[in-house]
Amino acid sequence: MPTDDLPETFHVTTDEQLRAVSNLTRHRIMAVLRFEPATITQIAQRVGLAKGSSSYHVRLLERAGLVKVVRTRKVRGVTERYYAMAAQAIVLPDPGEGQPDVLMRHAVADLEAAPAEGERHVQMAHLRLTDEQFAELGARLEALADEYRELSDPSLPDATLAFALFRPAPREQAEGDSQ
């Protein structure tokens, strides 16, 4: 099933949906399904899970409406189901103050699990920007990600781009710093 047939976005709005996407294993399953449908067996192989565990996690994602069956076929008398994402992009609500950012936690976990000898581009830059520059940089980063998403080919190896542009919380000045 081409991803063009999928709705553009799916907004996570319920607690059940948020719990489903908050789990790292289910995040990795959705990454497998991002470009092409897969069976429970294929998902289990790609994520490194037992078929039973893979089936359990896919059922939770399906119940939450995040993945769906897009094709079935009979194989030796058994119905094989192919699952795909319910939309091209999953939009999470902003975390509340002091709450963890699920996307960034998953990105860090995936980065830490990536082969150390593989090529990586990781950088953190502290910037001082006007509100206009901040907005422009955010738009440029999103446009660049969209440009490369359009170039994505399911036959090529996976690559993950995670970025966070934010204004950190103001630091409390220690007593005496202003003297």
C-alpha atoms as a PDB file:
ATOM      1  CA  MET A   1       0.000   0.000   0.000  1.00  0.00           C
ATOM      2  CA  PRO A   2       1.631   3.264  -1.029  1.00  0.00           C
ATOM      3  CA  THR A   3       1.881   5.870   1.704  1.00  0.00           C
ATOM      4  CA  ASP A   4       0.125   8.311  -0.653  1.00  0.00           C
ATOM      5  CA  ASP A   5      -3.125   6.470   0.155  1.00  0.00           C
ATOM      6  CA  LEU A   6      -2.782   7.234   3.863  1.00  0.00           C
ATOM      7  CA  PRO A   7      -4.152  10.320   5.579  1.00  0.00           C
ATOM      8  CA  GLU A   8      -1.432  12.922   6.055  1.00  0.00           C
ATOM      9  CA  THR A   9      -1.633  13.111   9.840  1.00  0.00           C
ATOM     10  CA  PHE A  10      -3.022  11.276  12.824  1.00  0.00           C
ATOM     11  CA  HIS A  11      -3.353  13.365  15.995  1.00  0.00           C
ATOM     12  CA  VAL A  12      -2.817  11.463  19.230  1.00  0.00           C
ATOM     13  CA  THR A  13      -5.600  12.677  21.512  1.00  0.00           C
ATOM     14  CA  THR A  14      -6.504   9.889  23.957  1.00  0.00           C
ATOM     15  CA  ASP A  15      -4.652   8.399  26.905  1.00  0.00           C
ATOM     16  CA  GLU A  16      -4.761   4.979  25.191  1.00  0.00           C
ATOM     17  CA  GLN A  17      -3.063   6.405  22.095  1.00  0.00           C
ATOM     18  CA  LEU A  18      -0.467   8.241  24.177  1.00  0.00           C
ATOM     19  CA  ARG A  19       0.346   5.082  26.159  1.00  0.00           C
ATOM     20  CA  ALA A  20       0.677   3.173  22.892  1.00  0.00           C
ATOM     21  CA  VAL A  21       3.205   5.589  21.342  1.00  0.00           C
ATOM     22  CA  SER A  22       5.072   6.126  24.610  1.00  0.00           C
ATOM     23  CA  ASN A  23       6.471   2.588  24.570  1.00  0.00           C
ATOM     24  CA  LEU A  24       9.885   2.259  22.896  1.00  0.00           C
ATOM     25  CA  THR A  25       9.114  -1.165  21.396  1.00  0.00           C
ATOM     26  CA  ARG A  26       5.927   0.141  19.795  1.00  0.00           C
ATOM     27  CA  HIS A  27       7.806   3.211  18.570  1.00  0.00           C
ATOM     28  CA  ARG A  28      10.249   0.860  16.820  1.00  0.00           C
ATOM     29  CA  ILE A  29       7.385  -1.173  15.340  1.00  0.00           C
ATOM     30  CA  MET A  30       5.869   2.002  13.903  1.00  0.00           C
ATOM     31  CA  ALA A  31       9.272   2.853  12.419  1.00  0.00           C
ATOM     32  CA  VAL A  32       9.237  -0.511  10.599  1.00  0.00           C
ATOM     33  CA  LEU A  33       5.777   0.258   9.223  1.00  0.00           C
ATOM     34  CA  ARG A  34       6.588   3.837   8.243  1.00  0.00           C
ATOM     35  CA  PHE A  35       7.500   3.018   4.623  1.00  0.00           C
ATOM     36  CA  GLU A  36       5.848  -0.298   3.842  1.00  0.00           C
ATOM     37  CA  PRO A  37       3.361  -2.790   5.258  1.00  0.00           C
ATOM     38  CA  ALA A  38       4.685  -5.810   7.133  1.00  0.00           C
ATOM     39  CA  THR A  39       3.402  -8.990   8.744  1.00  0.00           C
ATOM     40  CA  ILE A  40       3.834  -9.881  12.408  1.00  0.00           C
ATOM     41  CA  THR A  41       6.688 -12.218  11.420  1.00  0.00           C
ATOM     42  CA  GLN A  42       8.457  -9.495   9.421  1.00  0.00           C
ATOM     43  CA  ILE A  43       7.979  -6.970  12.229  1.00  0.00           C
ATOM     44  CA  ALA A  44       9.323  -9.438  14.805  1.00  0.00           C
ATOM     45  CA  GLN A  45      12.431 -10.080  12.685  1.00  0.00           C
ATOM     46  CA  ARG A  46      13.132  -6.392  12.040  1.00  0.00           C
ATOM     47  CA  VAL A  47      12.623  -5.277  15.639  1.00  0.00           C
ATOM     48  CA  GLY A  48      14.252  -8.343  17.209  1.00  0.00           C
ATOM     49  CA  LEU A  49      11.202  -9.613  19.088  1.00  0.00           C
ATOM     50  CA  ALA A  50       9.467 -12.939  19.508  1.00  0.00           C
ATOM     51  CA  LYS A  51       6.380 -13.248  17.286  1.00  0.00           C
ATOM     52  CA  GLY A  52       4.114 -13.327  20.336  1.00  0.00           C
ATOM     53  CA  SER A  53       5.546 -10.092  21.715  1.00  0.00           C
ATOM     54  CA  SER A  54       5.363  -8.477  18.301  1.00  0.00           C
ATOM     55  CA  SER A  55       1.729  -9.528  17.944  1.00  0.00           C
ATOM     56  CA  TYR A  56       0.870  -8.143  21.388  1.00  0.00           C
ATOM     57  CA  HIS A  57       2.396  -4.730  20.646  1.00  0.00           C
ATOM     58  CA  VAL A  58       0.828  -4.518  17.175  1.00  0.00           C
ATOM     59  CA  ARG A  59      -2.606  -5.330  18.658  1.00  0.00           C
ATOM     60  CA  LEU A  60      -2.211  -2.443  21.132  1.00  0.00           C
ATOM     61  CA  LEU A  61      -1.213  -0.092  18.302  1.00  0.00           C
ATOM     62  CA  GLU A  62      -4.154  -1.295  16.211  1.00  0.00           C
ATOM     63  CA  ARG A  63      -6.595  -0.870  19.105  1.00  0.00           C
ATOM     64  CA  ALA A  64      -5.305   2.706  19.555  1.00  0.00           C
ATOM     65  CA  GLY A  65      -5.892   3.379  15.839  1.00  0.00           C
ATOM     66  CA  LEU A  66      -2.208   3.993  15.060  1.00  0.00           C
ATOM     67  CA  VAL A  67      -1.747   1.029  12.705  1.00  0.00           C
ATOM     68  CA  LYS A  68      -4.219  -0.905  10.605  1.00  0.00           C
ATOM     69  CA  VAL A  69      -4.493  -4.031   8.482  1.00  0.00           C
ATOM     70  CA  VAL A  70      -4.077  -3.019   4.852  1.00  0.00           C
ATOM     71  CA  ARG A  71      -3.912  -6.419   3.172  1.00  0.00           C
ATOM     72  CA  THR A  72      -4.490 -10.088   3.939  1.00  0.00           C
ATOM     73  CA  ARG A  73      -3.532 -13.271   2.160  1.00  0.00           C
ATOM     74  CA  LYS A  74      -3.880 -16.998   2.805  1.00  0.00           C
ATOM     75  CA  VAL A  75      -0.645 -18.892   3.426  1.00  0.00           C
ATOM     76  CA  ARG A  76      -1.013 -22.638   4.037  1.00  0.00           C
ATOM     77  CA  GLY A  77      -4.522 -22.148   5.415  1.00  0.00           C
ATOM     78  CA  VAL A  78      -3.543 -19.276   7.726  1.00  0.00           C
ATOM     79  CA  THR A  79      -4.588 -15.673   7.103  1.00  0.00           C
ATOM     80  CA  GLU A  80      -1.523 -13.452   7.022  1.00  0.00           C
ATOM     81  CA  ARG A  81      -2.193  -9.801   7.862  1.00  0.00           C
ATOM     82  CA  TYR A  82      -0.096  -6.902   6.601  1.00  0.00           C
ATOM     83  CA  TYR A  83      -0.041  -3.883   8.893  1.00  0.00           C
ATOM     84  CA  ALA A  84       0.746  -0.275   7.994  1.00  0.00           C
ATOM     85  CA  MET A  85       0.702   3.074   9.725  1.00  0.00           C
ATOM     86  CA  ALA A  86      -2.731   4.687   9.966  1.00  0.00           C
ATOM     87  CA  ALA A  87      -1.290   7.970   8.641  1.00  0.00           C
ATOM     88  CA  GLN A  88       1.896   9.337   7.105  1.00  0.00           C
ATOM     89  CA  ALA A  89       2.699  11.267  10.300  1.00  0.00           C
ATOM     90  CA  ILE A  90       1.719  10.829  13.939  1.00  0.00           C
ATOM     91  CA  VAL A  91       1.311  14.133  15.798  1.00  0.00           C
ATOM     92  CA  LEU A  92       1.779  13.997  19.553  1.00  0.00           C
ATOM     93  CA  PRO A  93       0.444  16.578  21.977  1.00  0.00           C
ATOM     94  CA  ASP A  94       3.020  18.877  23.524  1.00  0.00           C
ATOM     95  CA  PRO A  95       4.156  17.486  26.854  1.00  0.00           C
ATOM     96  CA  GLY A  96       2.984  19.373  29.888  1.00  0.00           C
ATOM     97  CA  GLU A  97       5.439  21.359  31.938  1.00  0.00           C
ATOM     98  CA  GLY A  98       7.905  19.005  33.590  1.00  0.00           C
ATOM     99  CA  GLN A  99       6.666  16.019  31.566  1.00  0.00           C
ATOM    100  CA  PRO A 100       9.007  13.933  29.403  1.00  0.00           C
ATOM    101  CA  ASP A 101       9.089  14.513  25.665  1.00  0.00           C
ATOM    102  CA  VAL A 102       8.328  11.065  24.263  1.00  0.00           C
ATOM    103  CA  LEU A 103       9.830  11.762  20.834  1.00  0.00           C
ATOM    104  CA  MET A 104      13.152  12.942  22.223  1.00  0.00           C
ATOM    105  CA  ARG A 105      13.365  10.014  24.653  1.00  0.00           C
ATOM    106  CA  HIS A 106      12.798   7.577  21.798  1.00  0.00           C
ATOM    107  CA  ALA A 107      15.305   9.388  19.587  1.00  0.00           C
ATOM    108  CA  VAL A 108      17.977   9.223  22.290  1.00  0.00           C
ATOM    109  CA  ALA A 109      17.236   5.530  22.929  1.00  0.00           C
ATOM    110  CA  ASP A 110      17.512   4.787  19.199  1.00  0.00           C
ATOM    111  CA  LEU A 111      20.758   6.772  18.964  1.00  0.00           C
ATOM    112  CA  GLU A 112      22.234   4.886  21.918  1.00  0.00           C
ATOM    113  CA  ALA A 113      21.202   1.560  20.355  1.00  0.00           C
ATOM    114  CA  ALA A 114      22.676   2.433  16.932  1.00  0.00           C
ATOM    115  CA  PRO A 115      25.961   0.721  16.019  1.00  0.00           C
ATOM    116  CA  ALA A 116      28.859   2.775  17.386  1.00  0.00           C
ATOM    117  CA  GLU A 117      30.897   2.202  14.234  1.00  0.00           C
ATOM    118  CA  GLY A 118      28.116   3.581  12.017  1.00  0.00           C
ATOM    119  CA  GLU A 119      28.226   7.075  10.584  1.00  0.00           C
ATOM    120  CA  ARG A 120      26.497   9.653  12.774  1.00  0.00           C
ATOM    121  CA  HIS A 121      26.006  13.362  12.726  1.00  0.00           C
ATOM    122  CA  VAL A 122      25.206  14.533  16.251  1.00  0.00           C
ATOM    123  CA  GLN A 123      25.575  18.119  17.313  1.00  0.00           C
ATOM    124  CA  MET A 124      24.203  20.434  19.917  1.00  0.00           C
ATOM    125  CA  ALA A 125      24.472  24.170  19.420  1.00  0.00           C
ATOM    126  CA  HIS A 126      23.540  26.918  21.838  1.00  0.00           C
ATOM    127  CA  LEU A 127      22.216  29.895  19.906  1.00  0.00           C
ATOM    128  CA  ARG A 128      20.968  33.356  20.694  1.00  0.00           C
ATOM    129  CA  LEU A 129      18.185  34.248  18.273  1.00  0.00           C
ATOM    130  CA  THR A 130      15.514  36.870  17.852  1.00  0.00           C
ATOM    131  CA  ASP A 131      11.936  35.587  17.772  1.00  0.00           C
ATOM    132  CA  GLU A 132      11.974  35.980  13.984  1.00  0.00           C
ATOM    133  CA  GLN A 133      15.252  34.053  13.593  1.00  0.00           C
ATOM    134  CA  PHE A 134      13.937  31.339  15.907  1.00  0.00           C
ATOM    135  CA  ALA A 135      10.767  30.945  13.807  1.00  0.00           C
ATOM    136  CA  GLU A 136      12.743  31.017  10.542  1.00  0.00           C
ATOM    137  CA  LEU A 137      15.195  28.351  11.724  1.00  0.00           C
ATOM    138  CA  GLY A 138      12.322  26.134  12.874  1.00  0.00           C
ATOM    139  CA  ALA A 139      10.603  26.470   9.493  1.00  0.00           C
ATOM    140  CA  ARG A 140      13.863  25.751   7.616  1.00  0.00           C
ATOM    141  CA  LEU A 141      14.535  22.619   9.697  1.00  0.00           C
ATOM    142  CA  GLU A 142      11.002  21.358   9.070  1.00  0.00           C
ATOM    143  CA  ALA A 143      11.285  22.100   5.331  1.00  0.00           C
ATOM    144  CA  LEU A 144      14.617  20.270   5.136  1.00  0.00           C
ATOM    145  CA  ALA A 145      13.146  17.250   6.915  1.00  0.00           C
ATOM    146  CA  ASP A 146      10.140  17.314   4.545  1.00  0.00           C
ATOM    147  CA  GLU A 147      12.435  17.567   1.510  1.00  0.00           C
ATOM    148  CA  TYR A 148      14.395  14.476   2.522  1.00  0.00           C
ATOM    149  CA  ARG A 149      11.234  12.616   3.575  1.00  0.00           C
ATOM    150  CA  GLU A 150      10.047  13.016  -0.035  1.00  0.00           C
ATOM    151  CA  LEU A 151      13.335  11.476  -1.234  1.00  0.00           C
ATOM    152  CA  SER A 152      12.995   8.456   1.082  1.00  0.00           C
ATOM    153  CA  ASP A 153      13.144   5.112  -0.677  1.00  0.00           C
ATOM    154  CA  PRO A 154      11.966   2.016   1.256  1.00  0.00           C
ATOM    155  CA  SER A 155      14.722  -0.042  -0.385  1.00  0.00           C
ATOM    156  CA  LEU A 156      17.448   2.077   1.247  1.00  0.00           C
ATOM    157  CA  PRO A 157      18.732   1.715   4.816  1.00  0.00           C
ATOM    158  CA  ASP A 158      16.873   3.602   7.539  1.00  0.00           C
ATOM    159  CA  ALA A 159      18.148   6.922   8.803  1.00  0.00           C
ATOM    160  CA  THR A 160      16.609   8.948  11.616  1.00  0.00           C
ATOM    161  CA  LEU A 161      16.594  12.707  11.833  1.00  0.00           C
ATOM    162  CA  ALA A 162      15.590  14.143  15.196  1.00  0.00           C
ATOM    163  CA  PHE A 163      15.820  17.806  15.983  1.00  0.00           C
ATOM    164  CA  ALA A 164      14.599  19.987  18.779  1.00  0.00           C
ATOM    165  CA  LEU A 165      14.677  23.736  18.604  1.00  0.00           C
ATOM    166  CA  PHE A 166      13.549  25.238  21.879  1.00  0.00           C
ATOM    167  CA  ARG A 167      14.156  27.998  24.320  1.00  0.00           C
ATOM    168  CA  PRO A 168      15.435  26.503  27.579  1.00  0.00           C
ATOM    169  CA  ALA A 169      13.851  27.394  30.884  1.00  0.00           C
ATOM    170  CA  PRO A 170      15.423  30.489  32.399  1.00  0.00           C
ATOM    171  CA  ARG A 171      18.179  29.644  34.811  1.00  0.00           C
ATOM    172  CA  GLU A 172      17.705  30.836  38.342  1.00  0.00           C
ATOM    173  CA  GLN A 173      20.540  33.107  39.338  1.00  0.00           C
ATOM    174  CA  ALA A 174      22.302  31.923  42.448  1.00  0.00           C
ATOM    175  CA  GLU A 175      22.427  34.346  45.327  1.00  0.00           C
ATOM    176  CA  GLY A 176      25.313  36.703  44.862  1.00  0.00           C
ATOM    177  CA  ASP A 177      25.522  36.238  41.058  1.00  0.00           C
ATOM    178  CA  SER A 178      24.148  39.725  40.536  1.00  0.00           C
ATOM    179  CA  GLN A 179      26.775  41.331  42.766  1.00  0.00           C
END
